[in-house]
Amino acid sequence: MATLILLNKPFHVLSQFTDERSTNPRSTLADWITRPGVYPAGRLDYDSEGLLLLTDHGGLQHRIASPANKMPKTYWVQVEGEVSDEALRQLRQGVQLKDGLTRPAKATPIPAPEIWPRNPPVRFRQSVPTSWLALTISEGKNRQVRRMTAAVGYPTLRLIRTQIGEWSLGNLQPGESRAVTINVPDTPARTPPKTRRRHRRT
């Protein structure tokens, strides 16, 4: 059995328990999670919000965080401008970034969600409209969602992760968390490979 904690990580919180900066330290998970022995399964950028998973089970942590498992992650993305059909097509087919072509994403326009206000608020310009997308990816390049939307011409203004695999944010408010118990199958012990006996030459 494993403990899994679902946290709604607030804006401008590091997805780790310590900050290496000695001056002007930033808020960390230690400000929100007091349960000992749990560690983040993956990460969420400092300037992103939403679902972050923590667990006390190394195997479950690997299953969630490993890029090899291609666990889908869904984000609500507020972008600058009204997203065109061509931009949606590019996101769905894969976007060329400096570190390679992304896998095809699920990209769907959505109405502005009814969510908590951000502090500080997103910059607002009367002359520039904004729009929202639900974007699901199955890989984890650095700052991937922001780079994808920028590559198709729509800079990200706000980014909220709402789902990782089967786990969703639900009605958790920023800083709130809930713990669930997960039945993790035991992994059979690996049998050491047989070594070939070396024969001494005579």
Protein backbone atom coordinates (compact mmCIF):
# COMPACT_ATOMS: atom_id res chain seq x y z
CA MET A 1 0.00 0.00 0.00
CA ALA A 2 1.15 3.53 -0.70
CA THR A 3 0.06 6.99 0.33
CA LEU A 4 -0.60 9.47 -2.46
CA ILE A 5 -1.16 13.15 -1.72
CA LEU A 6 -2.95 15.35 -4.24
CA LEU A 7 -1.95 18.99 -3.77
CA ASN A 8 -3.23 22.09 -5.53
CA LYS A 9 0.14 23.82 -5.76
CA PRO A 10 -0.30 27.58 -5.58
CA PHE A 11 1.33 30.05 -7.95
CA HIS A 12 4.95 30.87 -7.08
CA VAL A 13 5.63 27.80 -4.97
CA LEU A 14 8.57 25.51 -5.72
CA SER A 15 7.68 21.86 -6.24
CA GLN A 16 10.36 20.82 -3.74
CA PHE A 17 10.79 21.06 0.03
CA THR A 18 13.80 23.37 0.14
CA ASP A 19 15.05 26.41 -1.75
CA GLU A 20 18.74 26.57 -2.57
CA ARG A 21 18.65 30.38 -2.56
CA SER A 22 20.12 31.78 0.65
CA THR A 23 18.66 35.26 0.10
CA ASN A 24 14.99 35.96 -0.55
CA PRO A 25 13.97 32.28 -0.26
CA ARG A 26 10.85 31.26 -2.13
CA SER A 27 7.84 29.38 -0.85
CA THR A 28 8.27 25.59 -1.01
CA LEU A 29 6.20 22.47 -0.43
CA ALA A 30 7.27 22.58 3.21
CA ASP A 31 4.90 25.53 3.64
CA TRP A 32 1.95 23.37 2.57
CA ILE A 33 2.76 19.70 3.26
CA THR A 34 3.62 18.63 6.80
CA ARG A 35 3.34 14.87 6.39
CA PRO A 36 6.81 13.30 6.68
CA GLY A 37 8.27 10.82 4.23
CA VAL A 38 6.50 11.94 1.04
CA TYR A 39 8.20 13.24 -2.08
CA PRO A 40 6.99 14.84 -5.32
CA ALA A 41 6.24 12.48 -8.18
CA GLY A 42 7.31 14.80 -10.96
CA ARG A 43 7.33 18.56 -10.83
CA LEU A 44 5.32 21.64 -11.68
CA ASP A 45 6.98 24.92 -12.59
CA TYR A 46 7.27 27.71 -10.04
CA ASP A 47 4.95 29.94 -12.07
CA SER A 48 2.39 27.21 -12.80
CA GLU A 49 -0.51 26.12 -10.60
CA GLY A 50 -2.57 23.04 -9.97
CA LEU A 51 -2.17 19.33 -9.40
CA LEU A 52 1.06 18.01 -7.94
CA LEU A 53 1.29 14.43 -6.67
CA LEU A 54 3.45 13.33 -3.73
CA THR A 55 3.96 9.80 -2.45
CA ASP A 56 5.89 7.73 0.07
CA HIS A 57 6.35 4.83 -2.38
CA GLY A 58 9.36 4.82 -4.69
CA GLY A 59 7.77 2.52 -7.27
CA LEU A 60 4.65 4.66 -7.52
CA GLN A 61 6.77 7.80 -7.72
CA HIS A 62 8.67 6.31 -10.67
CA ARG A 63 5.48 5.17 -12.38
CA ILE A 64 4.03 8.67 -12.26
CA ALA A 65 7.16 10.69 -12.98
CA SER A 66 9.03 8.59 -15.54
CA PRO A 67 8.72 9.98 -19.10
CA ALA A 68 8.93 6.40 -20.38
CA ASN A 69 5.46 5.68 -19.00
CA LYS A 70 3.88 8.52 -21.03
CA MET A 71 1.30 9.28 -18.35
CA PRO A 72 -1.12 11.89 -19.77
CA LYS A 73 -1.29 15.28 -18.05
CA THR A 74 -4.07 17.79 -18.70
CA TYR A 75 -3.71 21.55 -18.34
CA TRP A 76 -6.02 24.53 -18.55
CA VAL A 77 -4.08 27.15 -20.45
CA GLN A 78 -4.98 30.82 -20.75
CA VAL A 79 -3.28 32.29 -23.79
CA GLU A 80 -2.99 35.70 -25.34
CA GLY A 81 -5.21 36.04 -28.40
CA GLU A 82 -8.03 34.04 -29.96
CA VAL A 83 -6.63 30.65 -30.92
CA SER A 84 -7.00 29.80 -34.60
CA ASP A 85 -7.95 26.45 -36.10
CA GLU A 86 -4.48 26.28 -37.66
CA ALA A 87 -2.82 26.63 -34.25
CA LEU A 88 -5.04 23.87 -32.85
CA ARG A 89 -4.09 21.66 -35.80
CA GLN A 90 -0.38 22.21 -35.10
CA LEU A 91 -0.77 21.39 -31.42
CA ARG A 92 -2.66 18.21 -32.29
CA GLN A 93 -0.04 17.10 -34.83
CA GLY A 94 3.07 18.01 -32.84
CA VAL A 95 5.06 21.21 -32.53
CA GLN A 96 8.71 21.61 -33.48
CA LEU A 97 10.69 22.93 -30.50
CA LYS A 98 14.42 23.46 -30.13
CA ASP A 99 14.76 20.08 -28.40
CA GLY A 100 12.65 18.19 -30.91
CA LEU A 101 9.15 17.55 -32.15
CA THR A 102 6.50 17.14 -29.46
CA ARG A 103 4.13 14.21 -29.47
CA PRO A 104 0.61 14.99 -30.71
CA ALA A 105 -1.46 16.69 -28.00
CA LYS A 106 -5.17 16.87 -27.35
CA ALA A 107 -6.09 20.54 -27.73
CA THR A 108 -9.64 21.80 -27.18
CA PRO A 109 -10.93 25.36 -26.76
CA ILE A 110 -12.90 25.75 -23.51
CA PRO A 111 -14.90 28.55 -21.87
CA ALA A 112 -13.08 30.53 -19.20
CA PRO A 113 -13.24 28.22 -16.15
CA GLU A 114 -14.67 29.37 -12.83
CA ILE A 115 -11.52 29.21 -10.72
CA TRP A 116 -9.73 31.00 -7.93
CA PRO A 117 -8.14 34.40 -8.62
CA ARG A 118 -4.39 34.39 -9.03
CA ASN A 119 -2.18 36.56 -6.84
CA PRO A 120 -0.71 38.56 -8.48
CA PRO A 121 -3.34 38.61 -11.24
CA VAL A 122 -2.59 37.89 -14.88
CA ARG A 123 -1.70 41.01 -16.82
CA PHE A 124 -4.67 42.38 -18.72
CA ARG A 125 -4.68 44.50 -21.86
CA GLN A 126 -7.99 45.88 -23.07
CA SER A 127 -6.95 45.66 -26.71
CA VAL A 128 -5.79 42.03 -26.60
CA PRO A 129 -8.33 39.25 -25.99
CA THR A 130 -7.43 36.02 -24.21
CA SER A 131 -8.74 32.49 -24.59
CA TRP A 132 -8.54 29.15 -22.80
CA LEU A 133 -7.52 25.68 -23.96
CA ALA A 134 -7.60 22.23 -22.40
CA LEU A 135 -4.29 20.70 -23.45
CA THR A 136 -3.30 17.09 -22.76
CA ILE A 137 0.28 15.94 -23.32
CA SER A 138 2.04 12.66 -22.60
CA GLU A 139 5.64 13.78 -22.22
CA GLY A 140 7.54 16.19 -20.01
CA LYS A 141 9.91 18.48 -21.85
CA ASN A 142 11.03 21.49 -19.82
CA ARG A 143 8.27 24.15 -19.76
CA GLN A 144 6.70 22.27 -22.64
CA VAL A 145 3.16 23.68 -22.64
CA ARG A 146 4.38 27.28 -22.55
CA ARG A 147 6.82 26.62 -25.37
CA MET A 148 4.20 24.82 -27.45
CA THR A 149 1.65 27.64 -27.29
CA ALA A 150 4.34 30.25 -27.96
CA ALA A 151 5.58 28.25 -30.97
CA VAL A 152 2.14 28.44 -32.59
CA GLY A 153 1.81 32.15 -31.84
CA TYR A 154 -0.09 32.28 -28.54
CA PRO A 155 1.94 33.06 -25.40
CA THR A 156 0.71 31.40 -22.21
CA LEU A 157 -0.55 33.78 -19.54
CA ARG A 158 -1.74 31.27 -16.95
CA LEU A 159 -1.17 27.53 -16.63
CA ILE A 160 -3.11 25.19 -14.34
CA ARG A 161 -2.59 21.42 -14.29
CA THR A 162 -5.89 19.69 -13.64
CA GLN A 163 -5.17 15.98 -14.13
CA ILE A 164 -2.34 13.44 -14.07
CA GLY A 165 -3.33 9.99 -15.29
CA GLU A 166 -6.39 8.92 -13.31
CA TRP A 167 -5.99 11.60 -10.61
CA SER A 168 -7.69 14.98 -10.95
CA LEU A 169 -7.63 18.26 -9.07
CA GLY A 170 -11.33 18.12 -8.23
CA ASN A 171 -12.45 20.95 -5.94
CA LEU A 172 -9.12 21.46 -4.16
CA GLN A 173 -8.33 25.13 -3.63
CA PRO A 174 -4.77 26.52 -3.77
CA GLY A 175 -2.73 25.06 -0.92
CA GLU A 176 -5.31 22.38 -0.13
CA SER A 177 -4.45 18.68 -0.36
CA ARG A 178 -6.01 15.31 0.20
CA ALA A 179 -4.45 11.91 0.82
CA VAL A 180 -5.55 8.64 -0.75
CA THR A 181 -4.32 5.08 -0.24
CA ILE A 182 -3.14 3.25 -3.35
CA ASN A 183 -2.77 -0.51 -3.65
CA VAL A 184 0.56 -0.92 -5.41
CA PRO A 185 1.32 -4.47 -6.59
CA ASP A 186 4.56 -5.86 -5.25
CA THR A 187 7.28 -5.95 -7.86
CA PRO A 188 8.94 -9.37 -7.97
CA ALA A 189 12.56 -9.32 -6.99
CA ARG A 190 14.92 -9.40 -9.92
CA THR A 191 17.05 -12.52 -10.22
CA PRO A 192 20.72 -11.61 -10.60
CA PRO A 193 22.02 -12.63 -14.01
CA LYS A 194 24.11 -15.76 -14.06
CA THR A 195 27.78 -15.09 -14.50
CA ARG A 196 29.84 -17.30 -16.72
CA ARG A 197 32.68 -19.01 -14.94
CA ARG A 198 35.96 -18.10 -16.49
CA HIS A 199 38.30 -21.03 -17.09
CA ARG A 200 41.94 -20.50 -16.41
CA ARG A 201 44.13 -21.19 -19.38
CA THR A 202 46.82 -23.76 -18.88
